[in-house]
N, C-alpha and C. Protein backbone atom coordinates (compact mmCIF):
# COMPACT_ATOMS: atom_id res chain seq x y z
N UNK A 1 26.04 11.27 -14.46
CA UNK A 1 24.96 11.55 -13.55
C UNK A 1 24.59 13.03 -13.61
N UNK A 2 25.58 13.92 -13.67
CA UNK A 2 25.32 15.36 -13.68
C UNK A 2 24.46 15.76 -14.88
N UNK A 3 24.61 15.06 -15.97
CA UNK A 3 23.83 15.36 -17.18
C UNK A 3 22.35 15.00 -17.02
N UNK A 4 22.04 14.15 -16.06
CA UNK A 4 20.66 13.70 -15.88
C UNK A 4 19.86 14.58 -14.91
N UNK A 5 20.53 15.43 -14.16
CA UNK A 5 19.82 16.29 -13.21
C UNK A 5 19.00 17.32 -13.97
N UNK A 6 17.81 17.58 -13.46
CA UNK A 6 16.95 18.60 -14.06
C UNK A 6 17.41 19.97 -13.60
N UNK A 7 17.42 20.90 -14.55
CA UNK A 7 17.88 22.25 -14.27
C UNK A 7 16.74 23.24 -14.31
N UNK A 8 16.84 24.25 -13.48
CA UNK A 8 15.87 25.33 -13.45
C UNK A 8 16.62 26.59 -13.84
N UNK A 9 16.28 27.14 -15.00
CA UNK A 9 16.96 28.30 -15.56
C UNK A 9 16.04 29.51 -15.46
N UNK A 10 16.57 30.61 -14.96
CA UNK A 10 15.78 31.83 -14.80
C UNK A 10 16.56 33.03 -15.29
N UNK A 11 15.89 33.97 -15.96
CA UNK A 11 16.59 35.22 -16.32
C UNK A 11 16.91 36.02 -15.06
N UNK A 12 18.02 36.71 -15.09
CA UNK A 12 18.46 37.52 -13.95
C UNK A 12 19.04 38.80 -14.51
N UNK A 13 18.52 39.94 -14.09
CA UNK A 13 18.85 41.23 -14.70
C UNK A 13 20.34 41.59 -14.63
N UNK A 14 21.03 41.23 -13.58
CA UNK A 14 22.42 41.66 -13.44
C UNK A 14 23.43 40.78 -14.17
N UNK A 15 23.19 39.47 -14.22
CA UNK A 15 24.19 38.56 -14.83
C UNK A 15 23.70 37.87 -16.09
N UNK A 16 22.46 37.97 -16.41
CA UNK A 16 21.90 37.32 -17.59
C UNK A 16 20.97 36.19 -17.20
N UNK A 17 21.55 35.10 -16.65
CA UNK A 17 20.76 33.94 -16.26
C UNK A 17 21.33 33.29 -15.02
N UNK A 18 20.45 32.67 -14.25
CA UNK A 18 20.83 31.84 -13.11
C UNK A 18 20.25 30.46 -13.35
N UNK A 19 20.99 29.44 -12.94
CA UNK A 19 20.50 28.08 -13.09
C UNK A 19 20.90 27.28 -11.86
N UNK A 20 20.01 26.37 -11.45
CA UNK A 20 20.30 25.46 -10.34
C UNK A 20 19.74 24.09 -10.69
N UNK A 21 20.29 23.08 -10.06
CA UNK A 21 19.82 21.72 -10.27
C UNK A 21 18.69 21.42 -9.29
N UNK A 22 17.63 20.83 -9.78
CA UNK A 22 16.49 20.50 -8.93
C UNK A 22 16.92 19.57 -7.80
N UNK A 23 17.72 18.57 -8.10
CA UNK A 23 18.12 17.58 -7.11
C UNK A 23 19.22 18.08 -6.18
N UNK A 24 19.97 19.08 -6.59
CA UNK A 24 21.05 19.65 -5.77
C UNK A 24 20.97 21.17 -5.84
N UNK A 25 19.98 21.76 -5.16
CA UNK A 25 19.78 23.21 -5.29
C UNK A 25 20.92 24.07 -4.76
N UNK A 26 21.80 23.49 -3.98
CA UNK A 26 22.96 24.23 -3.50
C UNK A 26 24.02 24.41 -4.57
N UNK A 27 23.86 23.72 -5.69
CA UNK A 27 24.79 23.84 -6.81
C UNK A 27 24.11 24.71 -7.86
N UNK A 28 24.70 25.85 -8.13
CA UNK A 28 24.09 26.78 -9.08
C UNK A 28 25.18 27.53 -9.82
N UNK A 29 24.78 28.23 -10.88
CA UNK A 29 25.72 29.01 -11.67
C UNK A 29 24.97 30.15 -12.33
N UNK A 30 25.74 31.10 -12.84
CA UNK A 30 25.14 32.17 -13.62
C UNK A 30 25.94 32.31 -14.91
N UNK A 31 25.38 33.05 -15.83
CA UNK A 31 26.05 33.27 -17.09
C UNK A 31 25.31 34.24 -17.97
N UNK A 32 25.99 34.77 -18.97
CA UNK A 32 25.37 35.76 -19.85
C UNK A 32 24.34 35.17 -20.81
N UNK A 33 24.46 33.87 -21.10
CA UNK A 33 23.51 33.21 -22.01
C UNK A 33 23.02 31.92 -21.35
N UNK A 34 21.89 31.40 -21.81
CA UNK A 34 21.43 30.12 -21.26
C UNK A 34 22.47 29.00 -21.44
N UNK A 35 23.08 28.93 -22.62
CA UNK A 35 24.06 27.86 -22.87
C UNK A 35 25.27 27.96 -21.95
N UNK A 36 25.78 29.17 -21.76
CA UNK A 36 26.94 29.36 -20.87
C UNK A 36 26.57 29.01 -19.44
N UNK A 37 25.38 29.38 -19.06
CA UNK A 37 24.91 29.11 -17.70
C UNK A 37 24.77 27.61 -17.45
N UNK A 38 24.17 26.90 -18.40
CA UNK A 38 23.99 25.45 -18.26
C UNK A 38 25.34 24.76 -18.25
N UNK A 39 26.26 25.17 -19.11
CA UNK A 39 27.59 24.55 -19.13
C UNK A 39 28.29 24.75 -17.78
N UNK A 40 28.15 25.94 -17.21
CA UNK A 40 28.80 26.22 -15.93
C UNK A 40 28.22 25.38 -14.80
N UNK A 41 26.91 25.22 -14.79
CA UNK A 41 26.30 24.44 -13.70
C UNK A 41 26.60 22.95 -13.87
N UNK A 42 26.68 22.46 -15.09
CA UNK A 42 27.04 21.05 -15.29
C UNK A 42 28.45 20.79 -14.75
N UNK A 43 29.36 21.73 -15.00
CA UNK A 43 30.72 21.59 -14.49
C UNK A 43 30.72 21.60 -12.95
N UNK A 44 29.94 22.49 -12.37
CA UNK A 44 29.83 22.56 -10.91
C UNK A 44 29.21 21.29 -10.35
N UNK A 45 28.24 20.72 -11.05
CA UNK A 45 27.61 19.48 -10.60
C UNK A 45 28.60 18.32 -10.61
N UNK A 46 29.41 18.23 -11.65
CA UNK A 46 30.42 17.18 -11.71
C UNK A 46 31.36 17.30 -10.51
N UNK A 47 31.78 18.51 -10.20
CA UNK A 47 32.68 18.72 -9.06
C UNK A 47 31.99 18.35 -7.75
N UNK A 48 30.73 18.77 -7.59
CA UNK A 48 30.00 18.47 -6.34
C UNK A 48 29.79 16.97 -6.17
N UNK A 49 29.43 16.30 -7.24
CA UNK A 49 29.23 14.85 -7.18
C UNK A 49 30.54 14.14 -6.84
N UNK A 50 31.63 14.59 -7.44
CA UNK A 50 32.94 13.99 -7.16
C UNK A 50 33.32 14.13 -5.69
N UNK A 51 33.09 15.31 -5.15
CA UNK A 51 33.41 15.55 -3.73
C UNK A 51 32.54 14.65 -2.84
N UNK A 52 31.27 14.53 -3.17
CA UNK A 52 30.39 13.66 -2.38
C UNK A 52 30.88 12.22 -2.40
N UNK A 53 31.18 11.72 -3.58
CA UNK A 53 31.63 10.33 -3.71
C UNK A 53 32.95 10.11 -2.96
N UNK A 54 33.89 11.05 -3.12
CA UNK A 54 35.18 10.93 -2.44
C UNK A 54 35.05 10.95 -0.93
N UNK A 55 34.01 11.63 -0.43
CA UNK A 55 33.83 11.70 1.03
C UNK A 55 32.88 10.63 1.55
N UNK A 56 32.51 9.68 0.68
CA UNK A 56 31.68 8.56 1.11
C UNK A 56 30.18 8.82 1.11
N UNK A 57 29.77 9.96 0.56
CA UNK A 57 28.34 10.27 0.49
C UNK A 57 27.76 9.77 -0.83
N UNK A 58 26.47 9.59 -0.85
CA UNK A 58 25.77 9.17 -2.06
C UNK A 58 25.06 10.37 -2.67
N UNK A 59 25.41 10.75 -3.89
CA UNK A 59 24.72 11.87 -4.53
C UNK A 59 23.24 11.53 -4.76
N UNK A 60 22.38 12.55 -4.77
CA UNK A 60 20.97 12.28 -5.00
C UNK A 60 20.72 11.71 -6.40
N UNK A 61 19.75 10.83 -6.48
CA UNK A 61 19.37 10.26 -7.78
C UNK A 61 18.71 11.33 -8.64
N UNK A 62 18.94 11.32 -9.94
CA UNK A 62 18.21 12.23 -10.81
C UNK A 62 16.71 11.99 -10.68
N UNK A 63 15.93 13.03 -10.78
CA UNK A 63 14.48 12.93 -10.61
C UNK A 63 13.85 11.95 -11.59
N UNK A 64 14.42 11.81 -12.76
CA UNK A 64 13.85 10.92 -13.77
C UNK A 64 14.03 9.44 -13.43
N UNK A 65 14.95 9.11 -12.53
CA UNK A 65 15.20 7.70 -12.20
C UNK A 65 14.00 7.08 -11.51
N UNK A 66 13.50 7.73 -10.51
CA UNK A 66 12.32 7.25 -9.79
C UNK A 66 11.27 8.34 -9.80
N UNK A 67 10.09 8.01 -10.29
CA UNK A 67 9.01 8.98 -10.28
C UNK A 67 8.45 9.05 -8.87
N UNK A 68 8.35 10.23 -8.35
CA UNK A 68 7.83 10.42 -6.99
C UNK A 68 6.32 10.45 -7.04
N UNK A 69 5.71 9.40 -6.51
CA UNK A 69 4.25 9.31 -6.57
C UNK A 69 3.61 9.13 -5.19
N UNK A 70 4.40 8.80 -4.18
CA UNK A 70 3.87 8.64 -2.83
C UNK A 70 3.92 9.98 -2.11
N UNK A 71 2.97 10.19 -1.23
CA UNK A 71 2.89 11.45 -0.51
C UNK A 71 2.83 11.20 0.98
N UNK A 72 3.46 12.07 1.74
CA UNK A 72 3.44 12.01 3.20
C UNK A 72 2.96 13.37 3.70
N UNK A 73 2.03 13.36 4.62
CA UNK A 73 1.55 14.61 5.22
C UNK A 73 2.09 14.74 6.63
N UNK A 74 2.58 15.92 6.96
CA UNK A 74 3.14 16.18 8.28
C UNK A 74 2.44 17.42 8.84
N UNK A 75 1.96 17.31 10.05
CA UNK A 75 1.34 18.47 10.69
C UNK A 75 2.41 19.26 11.44
N UNK A 76 2.38 20.57 11.24
CA UNK A 76 3.33 21.47 11.87
C UNK A 76 2.58 22.63 12.51
N UNK A 77 3.21 23.25 13.46
CA UNK A 77 2.66 24.51 13.96
C UNK A 77 2.97 25.58 12.91
N UNK A 78 2.24 26.67 12.90
CA UNK A 78 2.57 27.75 11.96
C UNK A 78 4.02 28.24 12.11
N UNK A 79 4.50 28.30 13.34
CA UNK A 79 5.88 28.73 13.57
C UNK A 79 6.88 27.72 12.99
N UNK A 80 6.64 26.44 13.20
CA UNK A 80 7.52 25.41 12.64
C UNK A 80 7.57 25.51 11.12
N UNK A 81 6.41 25.70 10.53
CA UNK A 81 6.35 25.80 9.07
C UNK A 81 7.15 27.00 8.57
N UNK A 82 7.00 28.14 9.23
CA UNK A 82 7.76 29.34 8.83
C UNK A 82 9.26 29.12 8.97
N UNK A 83 9.67 28.49 10.07
CA UNK A 83 11.09 28.21 10.28
C UNK A 83 11.65 27.28 9.20
N UNK A 84 10.90 26.24 8.87
CA UNK A 84 11.35 25.31 7.83
C UNK A 84 11.39 25.98 6.46
N UNK A 85 10.38 26.79 6.16
CA UNK A 85 10.36 27.49 4.87
C UNK A 85 11.54 28.45 4.75
N UNK A 86 11.85 29.15 5.81
CA UNK A 86 12.98 30.07 5.79
C UNK A 86 14.29 29.31 5.59
N UNK A 87 14.47 28.20 6.28
CA UNK A 87 15.68 27.41 6.11
C UNK A 87 15.76 26.85 4.70
N UNK A 88 14.63 26.42 4.16
CA UNK A 88 14.60 25.92 2.79
C UNK A 88 15.07 26.99 1.82
N UNK A 89 14.58 28.20 1.96
CA UNK A 89 15.01 29.31 1.09
C UNK A 89 16.51 29.58 1.24
N UNK A 90 16.98 29.58 2.47
CA UNK A 90 18.41 29.83 2.71
C UNK A 90 19.28 28.76 2.08
N UNK A 91 18.77 27.54 2.02
CA UNK A 91 19.53 26.43 1.43
C UNK A 91 19.33 26.31 -0.07
N UNK A 92 18.56 27.24 -0.66
CA UNK A 92 18.39 27.26 -2.11
C UNK A 92 17.20 26.50 -2.63
N UNK A 93 16.34 26.02 -1.75
CA UNK A 93 15.15 25.29 -2.18
C UNK A 93 14.01 26.27 -2.38
N UNK A 94 13.16 26.00 -3.36
CA UNK A 94 12.00 26.84 -3.58
C UNK A 94 10.80 26.35 -2.79
N UNK A 95 10.78 25.07 -2.49
CA UNK A 95 9.63 24.52 -1.79
C UNK A 95 10.03 23.72 -0.57
N UNK A 96 9.11 23.61 0.32
CA UNK A 96 9.35 22.89 1.57
C UNK A 96 9.47 21.39 1.34
N UNK A 97 8.70 20.84 0.43
CA UNK A 97 8.73 19.39 0.18
C UNK A 97 10.11 18.93 -0.27
N UNK A 98 10.69 19.62 -1.26
CA UNK A 98 12.02 19.23 -1.74
C UNK A 98 13.07 19.38 -0.64
N UNK A 99 12.95 20.42 0.16
CA UNK A 99 13.89 20.65 1.26
C UNK A 99 13.83 19.50 2.27
N UNK A 100 12.63 19.17 2.73
CA UNK A 100 12.47 18.11 3.74
C UNK A 100 12.96 16.78 3.18
N UNK A 101 12.56 16.46 1.95
CA UNK A 101 12.98 15.19 1.34
C UNK A 101 14.49 15.12 1.22
N UNK A 102 15.13 16.18 0.70
CA UNK A 102 16.58 16.17 0.52
C UNK A 102 17.31 16.03 1.85
N UNK A 103 16.86 16.76 2.85
CA UNK A 103 17.52 16.69 4.17
C UNK A 103 17.39 15.31 4.78
N UNK A 104 16.22 14.75 4.73
CA UNK A 104 16.01 13.44 5.34
C UNK A 104 16.69 12.33 4.55
N UNK A 105 16.63 12.38 3.24
CA UNK A 105 17.25 11.33 2.44
C UNK A 105 18.78 11.37 2.57
N UNK A 106 19.35 12.54 2.77
CA UNK A 106 20.81 12.62 2.94
C UNK A 106 21.24 11.97 4.25
N UNK A 107 20.33 11.87 5.22
CA UNK A 107 20.64 11.25 6.50
C UNK A 107 20.54 9.73 6.46
N UNK A 108 19.71 9.20 5.58
CA UNK A 108 19.48 7.75 5.59
C UNK A 108 19.99 7.04 4.34
N UNK A 109 20.33 7.78 3.29
CA UNK A 109 20.78 7.13 2.04
C UNK A 109 22.21 6.68 2.12
């Protein structure tokens, strides 16, 4: 399963590269080369998935399993939106949509 997660790799001036999994943004790694970075995050993903399974949780499906084509619109106050965006950033998400989906799906999956 860890091999199927999509990775986001970015150059980082101090360590070389940073990488995180799209489906599990709280799992990330760094490394001096892209290959070292990807290998490190795959290892971290295997560990994270194992812990989830052992504790009775269901790991998120890889993005390629189900294409996300349905959309939901939610109205928020400007303050609510700012609070959610800040929490999303703190939790390692780049966007509000992925944050909301991941949080809600972890509650019902």
